Amino acid sequence: MEAKKHAAVIRLRAASINDLELVNYWETKQHVIDCDPDGEWNWELELNRDPEWREQWIAELNGKPIGFLQIIDPYLEETHYWPPVQKNKRAIDIWIGEENNMNKGYGTKIMELAIERCFQNPEVDGILIDPLRSNTKAHRFYERLGFEFVEERKFDETACFVYELKRKSSIRR
């Protein structure tokens, strides 16, 4: 999957254990911490797993890694992070690894690819995201993509806003 912005090509490739050093490094970046202060991803284990309910991707700009994307089926996800949740949903986690790649439209392109991927499954009727309540930049970002505010919810004692993009309002190609 790829998207173009001028001469820039954004592509997603499957994340693997070979990305361990990279994602561990990105997790030390303040802007990533600010988006997921309680995040304990346990990368060494998770990059070696391939459960049916999850996809993990590295976003590349002209072949250079710039971000991480995770798509899960929150109904099947084994930790039940998202209860209660209906069937036929997907949930997305995304971040840009380096600050100098932010605010250039790359996140939008990555999300467009993620949305397209989620809705390739005709049964999927909505995509969920859970930015921190305090992350107003993320709220505006997701709203520009068509996500609608659903509710405020605590996840592991962290206050988040839940947004959903329903199939009917999704980006059409």
N, C-alpha and C. Protein backbone atom coordinates (compact mmCIF):
# COMPACT_ATOMS: atom_id res chain seq x y z
N MET A 1 0.84 -1.17 0.00
CA MET A 1 0.00 0.00 0.00
C MET A 1 0.89 1.23 0.00
N GLU A 2 0.50 2.22 -0.79
CA GLU A 2 1.28 3.45 -0.78
C GLU A 2 0.43 4.64 -1.17
N ALA A 3 0.88 5.79 -0.75
CA ALA A 3 0.23 7.06 -1.09
C ALA A 3 1.33 8.04 -1.45
N LYS A 4 1.01 8.96 -2.36
CA LYS A 4 2.01 9.94 -2.80
C LYS A 4 1.64 11.33 -2.32
N LYS A 5 2.64 12.07 -1.91
CA LYS A 5 2.49 13.50 -1.61
C LYS A 5 3.64 14.17 -2.34
N HIS A 6 3.33 14.84 -3.42
CA HIS A 6 4.32 15.42 -4.31
C HIS A 6 5.25 14.27 -4.75
N ALA A 7 6.54 14.38 -4.52
CA ALA A 7 7.46 13.29 -4.90
C ALA A 7 7.63 12.28 -3.77
N ALA A 8 7.03 12.56 -2.62
CA ALA A 8 7.16 11.67 -1.47
C ALA A 8 6.21 10.49 -1.62
N VAL A 9 6.71 9.30 -1.35
CA VAL A 9 5.89 8.10 -1.37
C VAL A 9 5.85 7.53 0.03
N ILE A 10 4.64 7.40 0.57
CA ILE A 10 4.43 6.77 1.86
C ILE A 10 3.97 5.34 1.59
N ARG A 11 4.65 4.41 2.22
CA ARG A 11 4.33 2.98 2.05
C ARG A 11 4.30 2.34 3.42
N LEU A 12 3.44 1.34 3.57
CA LEU A 12 3.40 0.55 4.79
C LEU A 12 4.02 -0.80 4.52
N ARG A 13 4.87 -1.22 5.45
CA ARG A 13 5.41 -2.58 5.39
C ARG A 13 5.20 -3.22 6.75
N ALA A 14 5.07 -4.52 6.76
CA ALA A 14 4.85 -5.24 8.01
C ALA A 14 6.01 -5.01 8.97
N ALA A 15 5.69 -4.70 10.22
CA ALA A 15 6.71 -4.57 11.25
C ALA A 15 7.21 -5.96 11.62
N SER A 16 8.48 -6.04 12.01
CA SER A 16 9.05 -7.33 12.39
C SER A 16 10.04 -7.11 13.53
N ILE A 17 10.57 -8.19 14.02
CA ILE A 17 11.57 -8.12 15.09
C ILE A 17 12.79 -7.30 14.65
N ASN A 18 13.01 -7.20 13.35
CA ASN A 18 14.11 -6.37 12.85
C ASN A 18 13.91 -4.89 13.14
N ASP A 19 12.69 -4.51 13.53
CA ASP A 19 12.38 -3.12 13.86
C ASP A 19 12.48 -2.84 15.36
N LEU A 20 12.94 -3.80 16.13
CA LEU A 20 12.98 -3.67 17.58
C LEU A 20 13.75 -2.43 18.04
N GLU A 21 14.95 -2.25 17.55
CA GLU A 21 15.77 -1.11 17.96
C GLU A 21 15.08 0.21 17.59
N LEU A 22 14.49 0.26 16.41
CA LEU A 22 13.82 1.47 15.93
C LEU A 22 12.62 1.84 16.79
N VAL A 23 11.72 0.91 17.05
CA VAL A 23 10.53 1.25 17.82
C VAL A 23 10.88 1.53 19.29
N ASN A 24 11.87 0.83 19.81
CA ASN A 24 12.33 1.16 21.17
C ASN A 24 12.88 2.58 21.22
N TYR A 25 13.62 2.99 20.20
CA TYR A 25 14.14 4.34 20.12
C TYR A 25 13.01 5.36 20.03
N TRP A 26 12.05 5.11 19.12
CA TRP A 26 10.94 6.04 18.97
C TRP A 26 10.18 6.21 20.28
N GLU A 27 10.08 5.15 21.08
CA GLU A 27 9.37 5.25 22.36
C GLU A 27 10.07 6.17 23.35
N THR A 28 11.32 6.54 23.10
CA THR A 28 12.02 7.47 23.99
C THR A 28 11.76 8.92 23.61
N LYS A 29 11.15 9.15 22.46
CA LYS A 29 10.91 10.51 21.97
C LYS A 29 9.75 11.13 22.76
N GLN A 30 9.94 12.37 23.19
CA GLN A 30 8.95 13.02 24.06
C GLN A 30 7.58 13.11 23.42
N HIS A 31 7.51 13.41 22.12
CA HIS A 31 6.19 13.54 21.48
C HIS A 31 5.45 12.20 21.43
N VAL A 32 6.19 11.09 21.39
CA VAL A 32 5.56 9.76 21.44
C VAL A 32 5.10 9.48 22.87
N ILE A 33 5.94 9.76 23.84
CA ILE A 33 5.58 9.58 25.25
C ILE A 33 4.33 10.40 25.58
N ASP A 34 4.29 11.63 25.08
CA ASP A 34 3.15 12.51 25.35
C ASP A 34 1.84 11.94 24.82
N CYS A 35 1.89 11.14 23.77
CA CYS A 35 0.68 10.54 23.19
C CYS A 35 0.29 9.24 23.89
N ASP A 36 1.26 8.60 24.55
CA ASP A 36 1.01 7.30 25.17
C ASP A 36 1.87 7.16 26.42
N PRO A 37 1.58 7.97 27.45
CA PRO A 37 2.45 7.99 28.62
C PRO A 37 2.50 6.68 29.40
N ASP A 38 1.48 5.86 29.28
CA ASP A 38 1.45 4.58 30.00
C ASP A 38 1.84 3.41 29.12
N GLY A 39 2.26 3.72 27.88
CA GLY A 39 2.51 2.66 26.92
C GLY A 39 3.66 1.75 27.31
N GLU A 40 3.34 0.51 27.46
CA GLU A 40 4.35 -0.53 27.67
C GLU A 40 4.06 -1.60 26.61
N TRP A 41 4.71 -1.45 25.50
CA TRP A 41 4.40 -2.29 24.35
C TRP A 41 5.07 -3.65 24.38
N ASN A 42 6.12 -3.82 25.15
CA ASN A 42 6.83 -5.09 25.22
C ASN A 42 7.19 -5.57 23.81
N TRP A 43 7.92 -4.71 23.11
CA TRP A 43 8.22 -4.91 21.69
C TRP A 43 8.90 -6.23 21.39
N GLU A 44 9.84 -6.65 22.22
CA GLU A 44 10.57 -7.89 21.93
C GLU A 44 9.62 -9.07 21.79
N LEU A 45 8.61 -9.10 22.62
CA LEU A 45 7.59 -10.15 22.53
C LEU A 45 6.63 -9.88 21.37
N GLU A 46 6.08 -8.66 21.33
CA GLU A 46 5.01 -8.37 20.38
C GLU A 46 5.43 -8.39 18.91
N LEU A 47 6.67 -8.00 18.63
CA LEU A 47 7.13 -8.05 17.24
C LEU A 47 7.37 -9.47 16.75
N ASN A 48 7.38 -10.41 17.65
CA ASN A 48 7.52 -11.83 17.30
C ASN A 48 6.18 -12.56 17.25
N ARG A 49 5.10 -11.85 17.54
CA ARG A 49 3.77 -12.46 17.54
C ARG A 49 2.99 -11.97 16.32
N ASP A 50 2.06 -12.80 15.88
CA ASP A 50 1.21 -12.42 14.76
C ASP A 50 -0.22 -12.91 15.02
N PRO A 51 -0.89 -12.35 16.05
CA PRO A 51 -2.25 -12.81 16.34
C PRO A 51 -3.21 -12.40 15.23
N GLU A 52 -4.27 -13.16 15.07
CA GLU A 52 -5.23 -12.91 13.99
C GLU A 52 -5.92 -11.56 14.12
N TRP A 53 -5.95 -10.99 15.30
CA TRP A 53 -6.70 -9.75 15.55
C TRP A 53 -5.85 -8.49 15.39
N ARG A 54 -4.57 -8.60 14.97
CA ARG A 54 -3.70 -7.42 14.93
C ARG A 54 -2.80 -7.40 13.71
N GLU A 55 -2.58 -6.17 13.22
CA GLU A 55 -1.58 -5.91 12.18
C GLU A 55 -0.68 -4.80 12.70
N GLN A 56 0.64 -4.95 12.56
CA GLN A 56 1.58 -3.90 12.92
C GLN A 56 2.40 -3.54 11.69
N TRP A 57 2.50 -2.24 11.44
CA TRP A 57 3.13 -1.73 10.23
C TRP A 57 4.16 -0.67 10.58
N ILE A 58 5.17 -0.58 9.74
CA ILE A 58 6.11 0.53 9.76
C ILE A 58 5.79 1.37 8.53
N ALA A 59 5.56 2.66 8.74
CA ALA A 59 5.33 3.58 7.63
C ALA A 59 6.69 4.07 7.16
N GLU A 60 6.87 4.05 5.85
CA GLU A 60 8.13 4.50 5.26
C GLU A 60 7.86 5.65 4.30
N LEU A 61 8.76 6.62 4.34
CA LEU A 61 8.76 7.74 3.42
C LEU A 61 9.94 7.53 2.47
N ASN A 62 9.63 7.28 1.21
CA ASN A 62 10.68 7.02 0.22
C ASN A 62 11.67 5.97 0.73
N GLY A 63 11.14 4.92 1.37
CA GLY A 63 11.96 3.80 1.83
C GLY A 63 12.58 3.97 3.21
N LYS A 64 12.39 5.13 3.86
CA LYS A 64 12.96 5.37 5.18
C LYS A 64 11.85 5.31 6.23
N PRO A 65 12.02 4.51 7.29
CA PRO A 65 10.99 4.42 8.32
C PRO A 65 10.72 5.76 8.98
N ILE A 66 9.42 6.12 9.07
CA ILE A 66 9.07 7.39 9.72
C ILE A 66 7.98 7.23 10.79
N GLY A 67 7.32 6.08 10.83
CA GLY A 67 6.23 5.95 11.79
C GLY A 67 5.79 4.52 12.00
N PHE A 68 4.91 4.38 12.97
CA PHE A 68 4.37 3.08 13.35
C PHE A 68 2.85 3.14 13.27
N LEU A 69 2.25 2.03 12.86
CA LEU A 69 0.80 1.91 12.76
C LEU A 69 0.40 0.54 13.25
N GLN A 70 -0.62 0.50 14.09
CA GLN A 70 -1.19 -0.76 14.53
C GLN A 70 -2.69 -0.72 14.27
N ILE A 71 -3.20 -1.79 13.69
CA ILE A 71 -4.63 -1.96 13.47
C ILE A 71 -5.05 -3.22 14.21
N ILE A 72 -6.06 -3.09 15.06
CA ILE A 72 -6.53 -4.27 15.78
C ILE A 72 -8.03 -4.45 15.59
N ASP A 73 -8.48 -5.65 15.82
CA ASP A 73 -9.90 -5.95 15.97
C ASP A 73 -10.16 -5.89 17.47
N PRO A 74 -10.77 -4.81 17.96
CA PRO A 74 -10.90 -4.64 19.40
C PRO A 74 -11.84 -5.65 20.06
N TYR A 75 -12.70 -6.27 19.27
CA TYR A 75 -13.60 -7.28 19.81
C TYR A 75 -12.83 -8.56 20.14
N LEU A 76 -11.85 -8.89 19.30
CA LEU A 76 -11.08 -10.13 19.48
C LEU A 76 -9.80 -9.94 20.27
N GLU A 77 -9.33 -8.71 20.41
CA GLU A 77 -8.07 -8.42 21.07
C GLU A 77 -8.05 -9.02 22.48
N GLU A 78 -6.96 -9.70 22.82
CA GLU A 78 -6.93 -10.57 24.00
C GLU A 78 -6.89 -9.86 25.35
N THR A 79 -6.47 -8.61 25.42
CA THR A 79 -6.43 -7.93 26.73
C THR A 79 -7.76 -7.25 27.06
N HIS A 80 -8.65 -7.17 26.09
CA HIS A 80 -9.96 -6.52 26.25
C HIS A 80 -9.81 -5.07 26.70
N TYR A 81 -8.85 -4.40 26.10
CA TYR A 81 -8.58 -2.99 26.35
C TYR A 81 -9.81 -2.13 26.05
N TRP A 82 -10.58 -2.51 25.04
CA TRP A 82 -11.68 -1.68 24.53
C TRP A 82 -13.08 -2.02 25.05
N PRO A 83 -13.29 -2.72 26.14
CA PRO A 83 -14.68 -3.08 26.47
C PRO A 83 -15.50 -1.86 26.84
N PRO A 84 -16.80 -1.87 26.62
CA PRO A 84 -17.47 -2.81 25.72
C PRO A 84 -17.32 -2.34 24.29
N VAL A 85 -17.20 -3.26 23.38
CA VAL A 85 -17.06 -2.92 21.97
C VAL A 85 -17.84 -3.92 21.13
N GLN A 86 -18.43 -3.43 20.07
CA GLN A 86 -19.19 -4.29 19.17
C GLN A 86 -18.26 -5.00 18.20
N LYS A 87 -18.79 -6.04 17.59
CA LYS A 87 -18.08 -6.70 16.50
C LYS A 87 -17.98 -5.76 15.31
N ASN A 88 -17.11 -6.10 14.38
CA ASN A 88 -16.97 -5.39 13.10
C ASN A 88 -16.42 -3.98 13.24
N LYS A 89 -15.55 -3.79 14.22
CA LYS A 89 -14.84 -2.53 14.39
C LYS A 89 -13.35 -2.80 14.22
N ARG A 90 -12.61 -1.75 13.99
CA ARG A 90 -11.15 -1.79 14.05
C ARG A 90 -10.72 -0.62 14.92
N ALA A 91 -9.54 -0.73 15.50
CA ALA A 91 -8.97 0.36 16.30
C ALA A 91 -7.55 0.58 15.80
N ILE A 92 -7.14 1.84 15.80
CA ILE A 92 -5.85 2.22 15.24
C ILE A 92 -5.01 2.95 16.28
N ASP A 93 -3.73 2.60 16.31
CA ASP A 93 -2.70 3.37 17.01
C ASP A 93 -1.70 3.82 15.95
N ILE A 94 -1.27 5.06 16.04
CA ILE A 94 -0.34 5.60 15.05
C ILE A 94 0.57 6.60 15.73
N TRP A 95 1.82 6.62 15.30
CA TRP A 95 2.68 7.74 15.67
C TRP A 95 3.77 7.93 14.64
N ILE A 96 4.23 9.17 14.56
CA ILE A 96 5.38 9.54 13.73
C ILE A 96 6.59 9.47 14.65
N GLY A 97 7.66 8.84 14.20
CA GLY A 97 8.82 8.59 15.05
C GLY A 97 9.66 9.81 15.37
N GLU A 98 9.92 10.64 14.39
CA GLU A 98 10.79 11.81 14.59
C GLU A 98 9.99 13.08 14.47
N GLU A 99 10.29 14.03 15.34
CA GLU A 99 9.58 15.31 15.36
C GLU A 99 9.66 16.03 14.01
N ASN A 100 10.80 15.93 13.32
CA ASN A 100 10.96 16.66 12.06
C ASN A 100 10.09 16.11 10.93
N ASN A 101 9.41 14.99 11.15
CA ASN A 101 8.48 14.46 10.15
C ASN A 101 7.03 14.78 10.50
N MET A 102 6.83 15.55 11.56
CA MET A 102 5.46 15.90 11.95
C MET A 102 5.02 17.16 11.22
N ASN A 103 3.71 17.30 11.09
CA ASN A 103 3.08 18.49 10.47
C ASN A 103 3.50 18.68 9.01
N LYS A 104 3.71 17.57 8.32
CA LYS A 104 4.05 17.62 6.90
C LYS A 104 3.03 16.85 6.04
N GLY A 105 1.98 16.37 6.67
CA GLY A 105 0.96 15.61 5.94
C GLY A 105 1.21 14.11 5.92
N TYR A 106 2.31 13.66 6.47
CA TYR A 106 2.63 12.23 6.45
C TYR A 106 1.65 11.42 7.29
N GLY A 107 1.28 11.95 8.46
CA GLY A 107 0.32 11.25 9.31
C GLY A 107 -1.02 11.09 8.61
N THR A 108 -1.43 12.12 7.88
CA THR A 108 -2.68 12.04 7.12
C THR A 108 -2.60 10.92 6.09
N LYS A 109 -1.49 10.86 5.36
CA LYS A 109 -1.34 9.81 4.34
C LYS A 109 -1.33 8.42 4.98
N ILE A 110 -0.65 8.30 6.12
CA ILE A 110 -0.61 7.00 6.81
C ILE A 110 -2.02 6.61 7.25
N MET A 111 -2.76 7.57 7.80
CA MET A 111 -4.14 7.29 8.23
C MET A 111 -5.03 6.94 7.04
N GLU A 112 -4.85 7.60 5.92
CA GLU A 112 -5.65 7.26 4.74
C GLU A 112 -5.39 5.82 4.32
N LEU A 113 -4.13 5.39 4.36
CA LEU A 113 -3.81 4.00 4.04
C LEU A 113 -4.43 3.06 5.07
N ALA A 114 -4.39 3.43 6.34
CA ALA A 114 -4.96 2.60 7.40
C ALA A 114 -6.47 2.48 7.25
N ILE A 115 -7.13 3.60 6.97
CA ILE A 115 -8.58 3.60 6.79
C ILE A 115 -8.96 2.72 5.61
N GLU A 116 -8.25 2.88 4.52
CA GLU A 116 -8.50 2.06 3.33
C GLU A 116 -8.34 0.58 3.67
N ARG A 117 -7.29 0.25 4.40
CA ARG A 117 -7.04 -1.14 4.78
C ARG A 117 -8.16 -1.69 5.66
N CYS A 118 -8.57 -0.90 6.64
CA CYS A 118 -9.64 -1.35 7.54
C CYS A 118 -10.93 -1.63 6.78
N PHE A 119 -11.29 -0.72 5.88
CA PHE A 119 -12.56 -0.85 5.18
C PHE A 119 -12.50 -1.77 3.96
N GLN A 120 -11.32 -2.36 3.68
CA GLN A 120 -11.27 -3.40 2.65
C GLN A 120 -12.13 -4.59 3.07
N ASN A 121 -12.23 -4.81 4.37
CA ASN A 121 -13.10 -5.86 4.89
C ASN A 121 -14.52 -5.31 4.89
N PRO A 122 -15.42 -5.86 4.06
CA PRO A 122 -16.76 -5.29 3.95
C PRO A 122 -17.58 -5.38 5.23
N GLU A 123 -17.18 -6.22 6.18
CA GLU A 123 -17.92 -6.34 7.44
C GLU A 123 -17.57 -5.23 8.43
N VAL A 124 -16.42 -4.60 8.26
CA VAL A 124 -16.00 -3.54 9.18
C VAL A 124 -16.87 -2.31 8.95
N ASP A 125 -17.53 -1.86 10.02
CA ASP A 125 -18.42 -0.71 9.88
C ASP A 125 -17.94 0.53 10.63
N GLY A 126 -16.82 0.43 11.35
CA GLY A 126 -16.32 1.59 12.05
C GLY A 126 -14.89 1.40 12.54
N ILE A 127 -14.18 2.53 12.65
CA ILE A 127 -12.79 2.54 13.12
C ILE A 127 -12.73 3.42 14.36
N LEU A 128 -12.13 2.90 15.43
CA LEU A 128 -12.03 3.60 16.70
C LEU A 128 -10.61 4.10 16.93
N ILE A 129 -10.52 5.22 17.62
CA ILE A 129 -9.23 5.74 18.08
C ILE A 129 -9.45 6.32 19.48
N ASP A 130 -8.36 6.45 20.24
CA ASP A 130 -8.49 6.89 21.63
C ASP A 130 -7.39 7.86 22.04
N PRO A 131 -7.31 9.03 21.40
CA PRO A 131 -6.28 9.99 21.82
C PRO A 131 -6.52 10.48 23.25
N LEU A 132 -5.45 10.88 23.89
CA LEU A 132 -5.56 11.44 25.24
C LEU A 132 -6.51 12.63 25.23
N ARG A 133 -7.26 12.79 26.29
CA ARG A 133 -8.17 13.92 26.41
C ARG A 133 -7.43 15.24 26.22
N SER A 134 -6.19 15.29 26.71
CA SER A 134 -5.40 16.52 26.65
C SER A 134 -4.76 16.80 25.29
N ASN A 135 -4.82 15.84 24.36
CA ASN A 135 -4.14 15.98 23.08
C ASN A 135 -5.06 16.63 22.04
N THR A 136 -5.23 17.94 22.17
CA THR A 136 -6.16 18.65 21.29
C THR A 136 -5.71 18.64 19.83
N LYS A 137 -4.40 18.61 19.59
CA LYS A 137 -3.92 18.52 18.20
C LYS A 137 -4.39 17.22 17.55
N ALA A 138 -4.33 16.12 18.30
CA ALA A 138 -4.81 14.83 17.77
C ALA A 138 -6.31 14.89 17.52
N HIS A 139 -7.05 15.52 18.41
CA HIS A 139 -8.51 15.62 18.21
C HIS A 139 -8.80 16.31 16.88
N ARG A 140 -8.15 17.44 16.62
CA ARG A 140 -8.37 18.16 15.36
C ARG A 140 -7.95 17.31 14.15
N PHE A 141 -6.81 16.61 14.28
CA PHE A 141 -6.31 15.75 13.21
C PHE A 141 -7.37 14.70 12.83
N TYR A 142 -7.87 13.98 13.83
CA TYR A 142 -8.85 12.92 13.55
C TYR A 142 -10.17 13.49 13.05
N GLU A 143 -10.59 14.63 13.59
CA GLU A 143 -11.83 15.26 13.11
C GLU A 143 -11.71 15.66 11.65
N ARG A 144 -10.54 16.16 11.24
CA ARG A 144 -10.34 16.52 9.81
C ARG A 144 -10.47 15.28 8.92
N LEU A 145 -10.14 14.11 9.46
CA LEU A 145 -10.25 12.87 8.68
C LEU A 145 -11.67 12.30 8.69
N GLY A 146 -12.59 12.93 9.41
CA GLY A 146 -13.97 12.48 9.44
C GLY A 146 -14.37 11.70 10.68
N PHE A 147 -13.45 11.51 11.63
CA PHE A 147 -13.79 10.83 12.88
C PHE A 147 -14.71 11.73 13.69
N GLU A 148 -15.66 11.11 14.38
CA GLU A 148 -16.60 11.85 15.22
C GLU A 148 -16.42 11.45 16.68
N PHE A 149 -16.50 12.45 17.56
CA PHE A 149 -16.38 12.21 18.99
C PHE A 149 -17.52 11.31 19.45
N VAL A 150 -17.18 10.28 20.24
CA VAL A 150 -18.17 9.37 20.78
C VAL A 150 -18.35 9.61 22.28
N GLU A 151 -17.23 9.60 23.02
CA GLU A 151 -17.31 9.75 24.47
C GLU A 151 -15.93 9.96 25.07
N GLU A 152 -15.93 10.41 26.30
CA GLU A 152 -14.71 10.41 27.09
C GLU A 152 -14.70 9.12 27.89
N ARG A 153 -13.53 8.46 27.94
CA ARG A 153 -13.44 7.18 28.64
C ARG A 153 -12.06 7.05 29.26
N LYS A 154 -11.98 6.36 30.37
CA LYS A 154 -10.69 6.07 30.98
C LYS A 154 -10.23 4.69 30.53
N PHE A 155 -8.99 4.66 30.05
CA PHE A 155 -8.32 3.41 29.70
C PHE A 155 -7.14 3.29 30.65
N ASP A 156 -7.11 2.26 31.47
CA ASP A 156 -6.02 2.09 32.43
C ASP A 156 -5.79 3.38 33.22
N GLU A 157 -6.86 4.01 33.66
CA GLU A 157 -6.81 5.24 34.46
C GLU A 157 -6.33 6.47 33.68
N THR A 158 -6.23 6.37 32.36
CA THR A 158 -5.83 7.50 31.53
C THR A 158 -7.06 8.04 30.81
N ALA A 159 -7.31 9.34 30.95
CA ALA A 159 -8.48 9.97 30.33
C ALA A 159 -8.24 10.14 28.83
N CYS A 160 -9.13 9.56 28.06
CA CYS A 160 -9.04 9.62 26.60
C CYS A 160 -10.38 10.04 26.02
N PHE A 161 -10.33 10.53 24.79
CA PHE A 161 -11.53 10.74 24.00
C PHE A 161 -11.61 9.57 23.01
N VAL A 162 -12.77 9.01 22.86
CA VAL A 162 -13.00 7.97 21.86
C VAL A 162 -13.66 8.63 20.66
N TYR A 163 -13.09 8.37 19.51
CA TYR A 163 -13.64 8.83 18.23
C TYR A 163 -13.92 7.62 17.36
N GLU A 164 -14.88 7.77 16.45
CA GLU A 164 -15.16 6.70 15.50
C GLU A 164 -15.35 7.28 14.10
N LEU A 165 -14.80 6.59 13.14
CA LEU A 165 -15.06 6.87 11.73
C LEU A 165 -15.95 5.74 11.23
N LYS A 166 -17.17 6.08 10.87
CA LYS A 166 -18.10 5.07 10.37
C LYS A 166 -17.92 4.91 8.87
N ARG A 167 -18.19 3.73 8.41
CA ARG A 167 -17.99 3.43 6.98
C ARG A 167 -18.68 4.45 6.09
N LYS A 168 -19.87 4.86 6.42
CA LYS A 168 -20.61 5.79 5.56
C LYS A 168 -19.92 7.12 5.40
N SER A 169 -19.10 7.53 6.39
CA SER A 169 -18.44 8.84 6.30
C SER A 169 -16.95 8.70 6.00
N SER A 170 -16.53 7.49 5.64
CA SER A 170 -15.10 7.26 5.42
C SER A 170 -14.63 7.89 4.10
N ILE A 171 -13.34 8.02 4.00
CA ILE A 171 -12.73 8.51 2.78
C ILE A 171 -12.98 7.51 1.66
N ARG A 172 -13.59 7.94 0.60
CA ARG A 172 -13.91 7.05 -0.54
C ARG A 172 -12.87 7.20 -1.63
N ARG A 173 -12.57 6.14 -2.29
CA ARG A 173 -11.61 6.16 -3.39
C ARG A 173 -12.34 5.85 -4.67
